[in-house]
Amino acid sequence: MLKTKLLTVIFGLNLLLFISCSKGSKVKTAELSDVVFEFEGPLFGGTNTAQYLYSVNIKELLNEDISEENAIKSATLKSATISMEECENCYGFETIKSLVLSMVSDGEIPMKEIALLNPVNAKNNSQALKLAEELEIGEFFNTDKIYWVLDADITEEIDDNISMIGNFKIELRYD
């Protein structure tokens, strides 16, 4: 008798959880490709910063006609890859110790570190960053602008510019 009541309660709680989580939300994976981070020389040994300004366009991002403000209910970064061009006279990842990717907006949302890699693999031209676990970034997509900030810890002084390319996948939940 007690076992039957316990199973009924567990089933009821699972059903309630399923209904509340699936109520009205849609999910879309969006990609931001070929995001250019330009580190302008001279660069000094230590942390150097580059940023990319992303103008948020929810209709374009979701590929849907969304008119509601604050339509994004939640968002999480699913992958972040940073790469550099291969060429004879280019600097590669052998001059980089670590990478940290952050987001910030003009509003009152504090800057959030969303991915990092320490140490980088100097032999690879593409670096898959480790994502911050369970980090919620949906509030950024309900603003007009997002600044993607990339910090690179450089091992030596460099007089030239260094360009890095970012590719990101973001899971968006919306109504």
N, C-alpha and C. Protein backbone atom coordinates (compact mmCIF):
# COMPACT_ATOMS: atom_id res chain seq x y z
N MET A 1 0.82 -1.19 0.00
CA MET A 1 0.00 0.00 0.00
C MET A 1 0.86 1.26 0.00
N LEU A 2 1.87 1.28 0.89
CA LEU A 2 2.77 2.43 0.97
C LEU A 2 3.57 2.57 -0.32
N LYS A 3 3.97 1.42 -0.88
CA LYS A 3 4.74 1.43 -2.12
C LYS A 3 3.90 2.00 -3.26
N THR A 4 2.63 1.68 -3.34
CA THR A 4 1.74 2.18 -4.38
C THR A 4 1.54 3.69 -4.25
N LYS A 5 1.38 4.18 -3.03
CA LYS A 5 1.23 5.63 -2.81
C LYS A 5 2.50 6.37 -3.19
N LEU A 6 3.64 5.80 -2.82
CA LEU A 6 4.92 6.42 -3.15
C LEU A 6 5.11 6.49 -4.67
N LEU A 7 4.80 5.42 -5.37
CA LEU A 7 4.91 5.42 -6.84
C LEU A 7 3.95 6.43 -7.47
N THR A 8 2.75 6.56 -6.92
CA THR A 8 1.78 7.53 -7.43
C THR A 8 2.29 8.95 -7.23
N VAL A 9 2.87 9.25 -6.07
CA VAL A 9 3.41 10.57 -5.79
C VAL A 9 4.58 10.88 -6.74
N ILE A 10 5.47 9.92 -6.92
CA ILE A 10 6.62 10.11 -7.82
C ILE A 10 6.14 10.34 -9.25
N PHE A 11 5.19 9.54 -9.71
CA PHE A 11 4.64 9.72 -11.06
C PHE A 11 4.00 11.10 -11.20
N GLY A 12 3.24 11.53 -10.20
CA GLY A 12 2.60 12.84 -10.24
C GLY A 12 3.60 13.98 -10.29
N LEU A 13 4.67 13.88 -9.50
CA LEU A 13 5.71 14.92 -9.52
C LEU A 13 6.42 14.97 -10.87
N ASN A 14 6.72 13.81 -11.45
CA ASN A 14 7.36 13.78 -12.76
C ASN A 14 6.45 14.38 -13.83
N LEU A 15 5.17 14.08 -13.79
CA LEU A 15 4.22 14.63 -14.74
C LEU A 15 4.13 16.15 -14.59
N LEU A 16 4.09 16.64 -13.37
CA LEU A 16 4.04 18.08 -13.11
C LEU A 16 5.30 18.76 -13.62
N LEU A 17 6.44 18.17 -13.39
CA LEU A 17 7.71 18.72 -13.87
C LEU A 17 7.73 18.77 -15.40
N PHE A 18 7.28 17.70 -16.04
CA PHE A 18 7.24 17.66 -17.50
C PHE A 18 6.32 18.74 -18.07
N ILE A 19 5.16 18.91 -17.49
CA ILE A 19 4.20 19.91 -17.98
C ILE A 19 4.75 21.32 -17.79
N SER A 20 5.36 21.59 -16.64
CA SER A 20 5.85 22.95 -16.38
C SER A 20 7.05 23.29 -17.24
N CYS A 21 7.89 22.31 -17.57
CA CYS A 21 9.08 22.59 -18.38
C CYS A 21 8.75 22.74 -19.86
N SER A 22 7.75 22.04 -20.33
CA SER A 22 7.47 22.06 -21.77
C SER A 22 6.41 23.09 -22.15
N LYS A 23 5.89 23.81 -21.21
CA LYS A 23 4.79 24.73 -21.45
C LYS A 23 5.22 25.94 -22.28
N GLY A 24 4.90 25.92 -23.56
CA GLY A 24 5.06 27.09 -24.39
C GLY A 24 6.44 27.43 -24.89
N SER A 25 7.51 26.84 -24.40
CA SER A 25 8.84 27.22 -24.82
C SER A 25 9.26 26.47 -26.08
N LYS A 26 9.96 27.20 -26.95
CA LYS A 26 10.56 26.62 -28.14
C LYS A 26 12.06 26.67 -27.95
N VAL A 27 12.77 25.79 -28.65
CA VAL A 27 14.22 25.74 -28.55
C VAL A 27 14.82 25.84 -29.95
N LYS A 28 15.86 26.66 -30.07
CA LYS A 28 16.55 26.82 -31.35
C LYS A 28 18.04 26.92 -31.07
N THR A 29 18.84 26.24 -31.87
CA THR A 29 20.29 26.39 -31.79
C THR A 29 20.70 27.37 -32.86
N ALA A 30 21.29 28.47 -32.43
CA ALA A 30 21.75 29.51 -33.35
C ALA A 30 23.27 29.45 -33.44
N GLU A 31 23.77 29.84 -34.59
CA GLU A 31 25.22 29.86 -34.80
C GLU A 31 25.69 31.26 -35.13
N LEU A 32 26.75 31.67 -34.47
CA LEU A 32 27.45 32.91 -34.82
C LEU A 32 28.79 32.46 -35.39
N SER A 33 28.97 32.69 -36.69
CA SER A 33 30.14 32.19 -37.38
C SER A 33 31.05 33.32 -37.84
N ASP A 34 32.32 33.01 -37.92
CA ASP A 34 33.33 33.93 -38.44
C ASP A 34 33.36 35.27 -37.71
N VAL A 35 33.27 35.22 -36.39
CA VAL A 35 33.36 36.41 -35.56
C VAL A 35 34.85 36.78 -35.46
N VAL A 36 35.21 37.98 -35.91
CA VAL A 36 36.61 38.38 -35.96
C VAL A 36 37.00 39.16 -34.70
N PHE A 37 38.04 38.66 -34.04
CA PHE A 37 38.64 39.35 -32.89
C PHE A 37 40.00 39.86 -33.36
N GLU A 38 40.14 41.19 -33.42
CA GLU A 38 41.38 41.81 -33.90
C GLU A 38 42.15 42.37 -32.71
N PHE A 39 43.30 41.75 -32.42
CA PHE A 39 44.20 42.24 -31.37
C PHE A 39 45.16 43.20 -32.05
N GLU A 40 45.05 44.48 -31.73
CA GLU A 40 45.84 45.51 -32.41
C GLU A 40 47.17 45.74 -31.69
N GLY A 41 48.26 45.58 -32.47
CA GLY A 41 49.61 45.74 -31.93
C GLY A 41 49.95 47.19 -31.69
N PRO A 42 50.92 47.47 -30.88
CA PRO A 42 51.80 46.47 -30.28
C PRO A 42 51.11 45.74 -29.12
N LEU A 43 51.39 44.44 -29.04
CA LEU A 43 50.85 43.60 -27.98
C LEU A 43 51.96 43.30 -26.98
N PHE A 44 51.64 43.31 -25.73
CA PHE A 44 52.62 43.11 -24.68
C PHE A 44 52.47 41.71 -24.09
N GLY A 45 53.54 41.20 -23.52
CA GLY A 45 53.45 39.93 -22.83
C GLY A 45 52.43 40.03 -21.71
N GLY A 46 51.55 39.05 -21.61
CA GLY A 46 50.47 39.08 -20.63
C GLY A 46 49.12 39.14 -21.33
N THR A 47 48.11 39.55 -20.60
CA THR A 47 46.74 39.54 -21.13
C THR A 47 46.50 40.72 -22.06
N ASN A 48 45.98 40.42 -23.25
CA ASN A 48 45.58 41.41 -24.24
C ASN A 48 44.14 41.12 -24.61
N THR A 49 43.38 42.16 -24.93
CA THR A 49 41.94 42.03 -25.14
C THR A 49 41.52 42.49 -26.52
N ALA A 50 40.58 41.73 -27.10
CA ALA A 50 39.91 42.13 -28.35
C ALA A 50 38.42 41.92 -28.13
N GLN A 51 37.62 42.70 -28.84
CA GLN A 51 36.17 42.53 -28.68
C GLN A 51 35.47 42.58 -30.02
N TYR A 52 34.27 41.99 -30.02
CA TYR A 52 33.41 41.98 -31.19
C TYR A 52 32.04 42.49 -30.76
N LEU A 53 31.53 43.50 -31.44
CA LEU A 53 30.20 44.05 -31.13
C LEU A 53 29.16 43.33 -31.96
N TYR A 54 28.22 42.68 -31.29
CA TYR A 54 27.13 41.96 -31.95
C TYR A 54 25.83 42.71 -31.71
N SER A 55 25.20 43.18 -32.78
CA SER A 55 23.89 43.84 -32.68
C SER A 55 22.83 42.76 -32.69
N VAL A 56 22.08 42.66 -31.62
CA VAL A 56 21.10 41.59 -31.46
C VAL A 56 19.88 41.85 -32.35
N ASN A 57 19.55 40.87 -33.17
CA ASN A 57 18.36 40.88 -34.01
C ASN A 57 17.67 39.54 -33.81
N ILE A 58 16.71 39.50 -32.89
CA ILE A 58 16.06 38.25 -32.51
C ILE A 58 15.37 37.59 -33.70
N LYS A 59 14.69 38.38 -34.54
CA LYS A 59 14.00 37.81 -35.70
C LYS A 59 14.97 37.08 -36.62
N GLU A 60 16.12 37.68 -36.85
CA GLU A 60 17.12 37.07 -37.72
C GLU A 60 17.78 35.86 -37.03
N LEU A 61 18.07 36.00 -35.77
CA LEU A 61 18.72 34.93 -35.02
C LEU A 61 17.86 33.68 -34.94
N LEU A 62 16.58 33.86 -34.68
CA LEU A 62 15.65 32.73 -34.55
C LEU A 62 15.04 32.32 -35.88
N ASN A 63 15.21 33.17 -36.89
CA ASN A 63 14.60 32.92 -38.20
C ASN A 63 13.08 32.81 -38.07
N GLU A 64 12.50 33.67 -37.22
CA GLU A 64 11.07 33.69 -36.94
C GLU A 64 10.63 35.12 -36.72
N ASP A 65 9.36 35.37 -36.92
CA ASP A 65 8.81 36.71 -36.68
C ASP A 65 8.42 36.83 -35.22
N ILE A 66 9.32 37.36 -34.43
CA ILE A 66 9.11 37.55 -32.99
C ILE A 66 8.88 39.04 -32.74
N SER A 67 7.78 39.37 -32.09
CA SER A 67 7.49 40.77 -31.81
C SER A 67 7.57 41.11 -30.33
N GLU A 68 7.54 40.10 -29.49
CA GLU A 68 7.51 40.32 -28.05
C GLU A 68 8.88 40.73 -27.52
N GLU A 69 8.91 41.77 -26.69
CA GLU A 69 10.15 42.14 -26.02
C GLU A 69 10.48 41.06 -25.00
N ASN A 70 11.76 40.90 -24.73
CA ASN A 70 12.23 39.88 -23.79
C ASN A 70 11.73 38.48 -24.17
N ALA A 71 11.74 38.19 -25.47
CA ALA A 71 11.26 36.90 -25.97
C ALA A 71 12.16 35.75 -25.56
N ILE A 72 13.44 36.01 -25.38
CA ILE A 72 14.38 34.95 -25.01
C ILE A 72 14.23 34.67 -23.51
N LYS A 73 13.86 33.45 -23.20
CA LYS A 73 13.67 33.06 -21.80
C LYS A 73 14.96 32.55 -21.17
N SER A 74 15.78 31.85 -21.98
CA SER A 74 17.08 31.40 -21.49
C SER A 74 17.97 31.09 -22.68
N ALA A 75 19.26 31.08 -22.42
CA ALA A 75 20.23 30.74 -23.46
C ALA A 75 21.47 30.16 -22.80
N THR A 76 22.08 29.20 -23.48
CA THR A 76 23.33 28.62 -23.01
C THR A 76 24.27 28.44 -24.19
N LEU A 77 25.52 28.66 -23.94
CA LEU A 77 26.55 28.45 -24.95
C LEU A 77 26.80 26.96 -25.05
N LYS A 78 26.73 26.41 -26.26
CA LYS A 78 26.92 24.98 -26.48
C LYS A 78 28.30 24.65 -27.02
N SER A 79 28.92 25.57 -27.75
CA SER A 79 30.30 25.37 -28.20
C SER A 79 30.92 26.71 -28.53
N ALA A 80 32.25 26.76 -28.35
CA ALA A 80 33.02 27.96 -28.66
C ALA A 80 34.37 27.51 -29.20
N THR A 81 34.66 27.90 -30.44
CA THR A 81 35.91 27.55 -31.08
C THR A 81 36.60 28.82 -31.55
N ILE A 82 37.88 28.92 -31.26
CA ILE A 82 38.69 30.05 -31.70
C ILE A 82 39.79 29.50 -32.60
N SER A 83 39.96 30.12 -33.77
CA SER A 83 40.99 29.66 -34.70
C SER A 83 41.79 30.85 -35.23
N MET A 84 42.92 30.51 -35.83
CA MET A 84 43.79 31.51 -36.46
C MET A 84 44.12 31.04 -37.87
N GLU A 85 44.35 32.00 -38.76
CA GLU A 85 44.74 31.66 -40.12
C GLU A 85 46.12 31.03 -40.12
N GLU A 86 46.31 30.11 -41.06
CA GLU A 86 47.63 29.52 -41.23
C GLU A 86 48.34 30.25 -42.35
N CYS A 87 49.52 30.75 -42.07
CA CYS A 87 50.35 31.36 -43.11
C CYS A 87 51.79 31.41 -42.61
N GLU A 88 52.72 31.62 -43.53
CA GLU A 88 54.14 31.58 -43.17
C GLU A 88 54.53 32.68 -42.19
N ASN A 89 54.04 33.88 -42.40
CA ASN A 89 54.46 35.02 -41.57
C ASN A 89 53.48 35.36 -40.46
N CYS A 90 52.51 34.50 -40.21
CA CYS A 90 51.50 34.76 -39.18
C CYS A 90 51.94 34.19 -37.84
N TYR A 91 51.46 34.81 -36.79
CA TYR A 91 51.64 34.26 -35.46
C TYR A 91 50.60 33.18 -35.27
N GLY A 92 50.95 32.13 -34.57
CA GLY A 92 50.01 31.06 -34.29
C GLY A 92 49.78 30.94 -32.80
N PHE A 93 49.19 29.86 -32.39
CA PHE A 93 48.88 29.67 -30.98
C PHE A 93 50.11 29.37 -30.12
N GLU A 94 51.28 29.21 -30.74
CA GLU A 94 52.49 28.99 -29.94
C GLU A 94 52.85 30.24 -29.13
N THR A 95 52.30 31.39 -29.49
CA THR A 95 52.56 32.62 -28.73
C THR A 95 51.46 32.92 -27.71
N ILE A 96 50.48 32.02 -27.60
CA ILE A 96 49.32 32.23 -26.71
C ILE A 96 49.33 31.17 -25.61
N LYS A 97 49.23 31.59 -24.34
CA LYS A 97 49.16 30.65 -23.23
C LYS A 97 47.73 30.21 -22.93
N SER A 98 46.81 31.19 -22.93
CA SER A 98 45.43 30.87 -22.55
C SER A 98 44.47 31.84 -23.23
N LEU A 99 43.20 31.43 -23.29
CA LEU A 99 42.12 32.25 -23.86
C LEU A 99 40.94 32.26 -22.89
N VAL A 100 40.32 33.43 -22.73
CA VAL A 100 39.12 33.57 -21.91
C VAL A 100 38.09 34.36 -22.73
N LEU A 101 36.89 33.79 -22.88
CA LEU A 101 35.80 34.43 -23.61
C LEU A 101 34.75 34.92 -22.62
N SER A 102 34.37 36.19 -22.75
CA SER A 102 33.37 36.79 -21.86
C SER A 102 32.31 37.50 -22.69
N MET A 103 31.19 37.83 -22.04
CA MET A 103 30.12 38.63 -22.64
C MET A 103 29.81 39.79 -21.72
N VAL A 104 29.45 40.93 -22.33
CA VAL A 104 29.01 42.09 -21.56
C VAL A 104 28.08 42.89 -22.46
N SER A 105 27.21 43.68 -21.86
CA SER A 105 26.32 44.56 -22.64
C SER A 105 26.40 45.96 -22.07
N ASP A 106 25.74 46.90 -22.75
CA ASP A 106 25.71 48.28 -22.27
C ASP A 106 24.83 48.45 -21.04
N GLY A 107 23.95 47.50 -20.80
CA GLY A 107 22.99 47.61 -19.70
C GLY A 107 23.60 47.29 -18.36
N GLU A 108 22.75 46.87 -17.45
CA GLU A 108 23.17 46.61 -16.08
C GLU A 108 23.58 45.16 -15.86
N ILE A 109 23.69 44.39 -16.92
CA ILE A 109 24.09 43.00 -16.79
C ILE A 109 25.60 42.94 -16.58
N PRO A 110 26.05 42.29 -15.51
CA PRO A 110 27.50 42.22 -15.28
C PRO A 110 28.19 41.31 -16.30
N MET A 111 29.47 41.59 -16.54
CA MET A 111 30.26 40.76 -17.45
C MET A 111 30.30 39.33 -16.93
N LYS A 112 30.19 38.36 -17.87
CA LYS A 112 30.25 36.96 -17.50
C LYS A 112 31.31 36.26 -18.33
N GLU A 113 32.19 35.53 -17.66
CA GLU A 113 33.12 34.65 -18.36
C GLU A 113 32.35 33.41 -18.76
N ILE A 114 32.36 33.09 -20.06
CA ILE A 114 31.52 31.99 -20.54
C ILE A 114 32.32 30.80 -21.05
N ALA A 115 33.61 30.99 -21.35
CA ALA A 115 34.43 29.87 -21.81
C ALA A 115 35.90 30.22 -21.64
N LEU A 116 36.74 29.18 -21.52
CA LEU A 116 38.17 29.43 -21.41
C LEU A 116 38.95 28.20 -21.85
N LEU A 117 40.22 28.42 -22.07
CA LEU A 117 41.13 27.33 -22.38
C LEU A 117 42.50 27.68 -21.82
N ASN A 118 43.00 26.83 -20.93
CA ASN A 118 44.30 27.05 -20.32
C ASN A 118 44.90 25.69 -19.97
N PRO A 119 45.96 25.31 -20.64
CA PRO A 119 46.69 26.00 -21.70
C PRO A 119 46.11 25.68 -23.07
N VAL A 120 46.44 26.52 -24.05
CA VAL A 120 46.05 26.22 -25.43
C VAL A 120 46.99 25.14 -25.96
N ASN A 121 46.56 24.44 -27.00
CA ASN A 121 47.38 23.45 -27.67
C ASN A 121 48.08 24.15 -28.84
N ALA A 122 49.34 24.47 -28.67
CA ALA A 122 50.09 25.26 -29.66
C ALA A 122 50.16 24.58 -31.02
N LYS A 123 49.97 23.27 -31.09
CA LYS A 123 50.08 22.53 -32.35
C LYS A 123 48.82 22.66 -33.20
N ASN A 124 47.70 23.00 -32.59
CA ASN A 124 46.43 23.09 -33.31
C ASN A 124 46.15 24.52 -33.76
N ASN A 125 45.55 24.66 -34.92
CA ASN A 125 45.17 25.96 -35.43
C ASN A 125 43.77 26.35 -34.96
N SER A 126 43.05 25.41 -34.35
CA SER A 126 41.70 25.65 -33.86
C SER A 126 41.62 25.17 -32.42
N GLN A 127 41.07 26.00 -31.57
CA GLN A 127 41.00 25.70 -30.14
C GLN A 127 39.54 25.63 -29.69
N ALA A 128 39.15 24.49 -29.13
CA ALA A 128 37.81 24.34 -28.57
C ALA A 128 37.87 24.75 -27.11
N LEU A 129 37.18 25.83 -26.77
CA LEU A 129 37.21 26.34 -25.40
C LEU A 129 36.32 25.49 -24.50
N LYS A 130 36.67 25.43 -23.23
CA LYS A 130 35.86 24.73 -22.25
C LYS A 130 34.79 25.70 -21.76
N LEU A 131 33.55 25.25 -21.79
CA LEU A 131 32.41 26.11 -21.46
C LEU A 131 32.18 26.16 -19.97
N ALA A 132 31.77 27.33 -19.49
CA ALA A 132 31.34 27.46 -18.11
C ALA A 132 30.09 26.61 -17.93
N GLU A 133 30.07 25.81 -16.90
CA GLU A 133 28.96 24.88 -16.71
C GLU A 133 27.66 25.61 -16.37
N GLU A 134 26.60 25.22 -17.08
CA GLU A 134 25.25 25.68 -16.77
C GLU A 134 25.13 27.20 -16.65
N LEU A 135 25.88 27.93 -17.46
CA LEU A 135 25.85 29.39 -17.37
C LEU A 135 24.71 29.95 -18.20
N GLU A 136 23.85 30.72 -17.58
CA GLU A 136 22.69 31.33 -18.22
C GLU A 136 23.09 32.67 -18.82
N ILE A 137 22.90 32.82 -20.16
CA ILE A 137 23.26 34.07 -20.85
C ILE A 137 22.07 34.66 -21.62
N GLY A 138 20.86 34.19 -21.34
CA GLY A 138 19.68 34.66 -22.06
C GLY A 138 19.43 36.14 -21.94
N GLU A 139 19.76 36.72 -20.80
CA GLU A 139 19.50 38.14 -20.58
C GLU A 139 20.25 39.01 -21.59
N PHE A 140 21.41 38.55 -22.06
CA PHE A 140 22.17 39.32 -23.05
C PHE A 140 21.42 39.43 -24.38
N PHE A 141 20.67 38.38 -24.73
CA PHE A 141 19.96 38.37 -26.02
C PHE A 141 18.66 39.17 -25.98
N ASN A 142 18.32 39.70 -24.83
CA ASN A 142 17.18 40.61 -24.72
C ASN A 142 17.64 42.07 -24.68
N THR A 143 18.90 42.31 -25.06
CA THR A 143 19.44 43.66 -25.14
C THR A 143 19.69 44.01 -26.61
N ASP A 144 20.10 45.23 -26.87
CA ASP A 144 20.38 45.67 -28.24
C ASP A 144 21.75 45.22 -28.74
N LYS A 145 22.74 45.21 -27.82
CA LYS A 145 24.11 44.92 -28.20
C LYS A 145 24.75 43.98 -27.20
N ILE A 146 25.59 43.09 -27.74
CA ILE A 146 26.41 42.22 -26.90
C ILE A 146 27.85 42.42 -27.33
N TYR A 147 28.72 42.61 -26.36
CA TYR A 147 30.15 42.66 -26.64
C TYR A 147 30.73 41.29 -26.28
N TRP A 148 31.25 40.60 -27.29
CA TRP A 148 31.98 39.36 -27.07
C TRP A 148 33.43 39.78 -26.83
N VAL A 149 33.99 39.44 -25.70
CA VAL A 149 35.32 39.88 -25.31
C VAL A 149 36.23 38.65 -25.23
N LEU A 150 37.35 38.71 -25.95
CA LEU A 150 38.31 37.61 -25.92
C LEU A 150 39.62 38.12 -25.35
N ASP A 151 40.05 37.50 -24.26
CA ASP A 151 41.35 37.81 -23.64
C ASP A 151 42.33 36.71 -24.01
N ALA A 152 43.49 37.12 -24.51
CA ALA A 152 44.55 36.18 -24.85
C ALA A 152 45.77 36.50 -24.02
N ASP A 153 46.29 35.50 -23.33
CA ASP A 153 47.51 35.67 -22.55
C ASP A 153 48.68 35.35 -23.48
N ILE A 154 49.38 36.41 -23.89
CA ILE A 154 50.44 36.31 -24.89
C ILE A 154 51.79 36.16 -24.19
N THR A 155 52.65 35.29 -24.75
CA THR A 155 53.92 34.96 -24.11
C THR A 155 55.04 35.95 -24.37
N GLU A 156 54.91 36.79 -25.41
CA GLU A 156 56.00 37.70 -25.78
C GLU A 156 55.44 39.00 -26.35
N GLU A 157 56.27 39.99 -26.46
CA GLU A 157 55.84 41.25 -27.08
C GLU A 157 55.78 41.05 -28.59
N ILE A 158 54.70 41.58 -29.20
CA ILE A 158 54.47 41.44 -30.64
C ILE A 158 54.10 42.81 -31.18
N ASP A 159 54.78 43.24 -32.22
CA ASP A 159 54.49 44.55 -32.81
C ASP A 159 53.32 44.52 -33.79
N ASP A 160 52.98 43.36 -34.29
CA ASP A 160 51.93 43.22 -35.31
C ASP A 160 50.56 43.02 -34.67
N ASN A 161 49.53 43.05 -35.54
CA ASN A 161 48.19 42.68 -35.13
C ASN A 161 48.05 41.17 -35.19
N ILE A 162 47.16 40.64 -34.39
CA ILE A 162 46.81 39.22 -34.45
C ILE A 162 45.30 39.13 -34.61
N SER A 163 44.85 38.34 -35.57
CA SER A 163 43.42 38.11 -35.78
C SER A 163 43.06 36.69 -35.37
N MET A 164 41.94 36.57 -34.67
CA MET A 164 41.40 35.26 -34.31
C MET A 164 39.94 35.24 -34.75
N ILE A 165 39.48 34.06 -35.13
CA ILE A 165 38.11 33.87 -35.62
C ILE A 165 37.35 33.00 -34.62
N GLY A 166 36.17 33.46 -34.21
CA GLY A 166 35.34 32.71 -33.29
C GLY A 166 34.11 32.13 -33.99
N ASN A 167 33.75 30.93 -33.59
CA ASN A 167 32.52 30.27 -34.04
C ASN A 167 31.81 29.74 -32.81
N PHE A 168 30.54 30.13 -32.66
CA PHE A 168 29.80 29.83 -31.45
C PHE A 168 28.44 29.22 -31.77
N LYS A 169 28.03 28.25 -30.95
CA LYS A 169 26.68 27.69 -31.02
C LYS A 169 25.99 28.00 -29.70
N ILE A 170 24.77 28.53 -29.81
CA ILE A 170 24.02 28.95 -28.63
C ILE A 170 22.64 28.33 -28.70
N GLU A 171 22.21 27.72 -27.61
CA GLU A 171 20.86 27.17 -27.52
C GLU A 171 19.96 28.22 -26.88
N LEU A 172 18.92 28.64 -27.61
CA LEU A 172 18.00 29.67 -27.15
C LEU A 172 16.63 29.07 -26.86
N ARG A 173 16.07 29.42 -25.72
CA ARG A 173 14.69 29.03 -25.38
C ARG A 173 13.85 30.30 -25.42
N TYR A 174 12.71 30.23 -26.09
CA TYR A 174 11.89 31.42 -26.28
C TYR A 174 10.43 31.03 -26.38
N ASP A 175 9.56 32.05 -26.28
CA ASP A 175 8.12 31.83 -26.42
C ASP A 175 7.66 32.20 -27.81
